Amino acid sequence: MRYYSYGGRSGRLIGKAGDLTIYARTYNYDDINHENEKSTDFSFNFSYGPLTGGIPEPFRFDINTSGEKINYIKYYNYKIRNIKLKGINIKDAIPYIERINGNFAASYTICFLSSVMDALEIEIPYELKMYYIIEMELERIRNHLYVLARMCEPAGFNVPANMLMHIKERFSRIIDITFGHRYFFGVNQLKSKRLDIYKMINVYKNEINDIYLNLLNSRLFTDRLQDNGRILDDDMTGPAARAAGYKYDSRYDFDIFYYNDTGYEIKTDDSGDAMSRFNVRFNEILNSIDIIENAENKTGDSCYNILDGSGTGLTRVESPSGDVAFYLELSNGVIKDLKIHTALERNMKSFLKSSTGTIFTDFHFNFESFGLWAADEVNII
């Protein structure tokens, strides 16, 4: 293990991974005592979720309300899965890892392989790091486009929503042409090749920027996002944290892939509301395109065969929603223990907290702005 040390609290809190608590540079087995839900008197409550024709993710929200104002929310996830990974070898584990959340397959698999290399104390080749960066930034662009389109729909802005979804589909097809699968399934091993993808994606940069500026000029749209779901706590990750002014980004404070060589710029806002989260995601899309331009010039052919070995590794990457961390124990090339931290743990808590005091008709804007995925909640057995 080269990047982390055991004990103490060094740097910002990343979150829980099984019974581990991970910080920026250390990990330990202590508990985080989260504040309990504060119950208030309410006139009635109701369940809102996929079974009632609501949100597409398999969450159920029990909303306590006095009619319009939300008193508090509790959530239940219908899709908590048990995934058998302990006792299998590295190669056989990859298809399971990349399908934990197919939308984040690149982030998850790259984080896992980085943990393998960390456990074996092997440096990832520079060309491979650039290759990984391009994958993760393409994944970020696609998922940000999806979240932004989802934020447009509740306001009835179907034209920009469909335009964003069209661009998202174009990016998925570019990924498919370049890598062989639109969700990077079966793509990630310890090898890379020379890429020439920037010219295919740069044609959409101005179109994305125009959509963003047109939405900013619409008071009907911005009025629904401003001051909606405002939260400035530091108990967040990803775009949600950066929208509150925190420079929380694994590309910034855990740069094992050399993002500094690619023109990466951390994008923040300061209001901590749905509008700020909207701004951060759009700005990150534009920066990701620039990152890809710089990184592709540094890609090249590289290949590394994983040797059977033993050790402990802990690495993290910045998924489109925030920190993903893998703690891995290997024994002769076989997974002895694996613990995963995802962005859902902290961002769901922050979403629920930010919803208190808002009105129900603004629920969708706030929920979509956090980019929450039920698939991120898994049990590794």
Foldseek 3Di string as FASTA:
>chain_A
DPQAEEDDADAAWPQDWPQWTDHLHYIYRDDDDDDDDDDDDADDWDKDAVVVVDDPFGKIKIFGHNAWATAFIDIDHPDAAEDEAFFAFDVVCLLVQLVLPLLQSLQRNVQVVVQLCQFVVHAQDLQLLLVSLLVQLLSLLLLLLQLLLLLCVLLPNNVLSVVSVVLSVQSLVLCCVFQVHSSCRPRDDSKFAQDDRLVSNVVCLVVLVVSVVVQVPDCSSVVLWPPQLADQDCLAFALLNQQQVDQHFCCPSVVSSPLVQQQDDQHHHRRSILVSLNVRSSVSNNSSSSSNVRSSVSHHTDGDDRFFDWGWGKDWHQHSLGIKIWTFTHDRRGTNDITIDDRQVRLVVSLRVSSRGHTPSSNSSSVSSNSHHSSRNYHYD
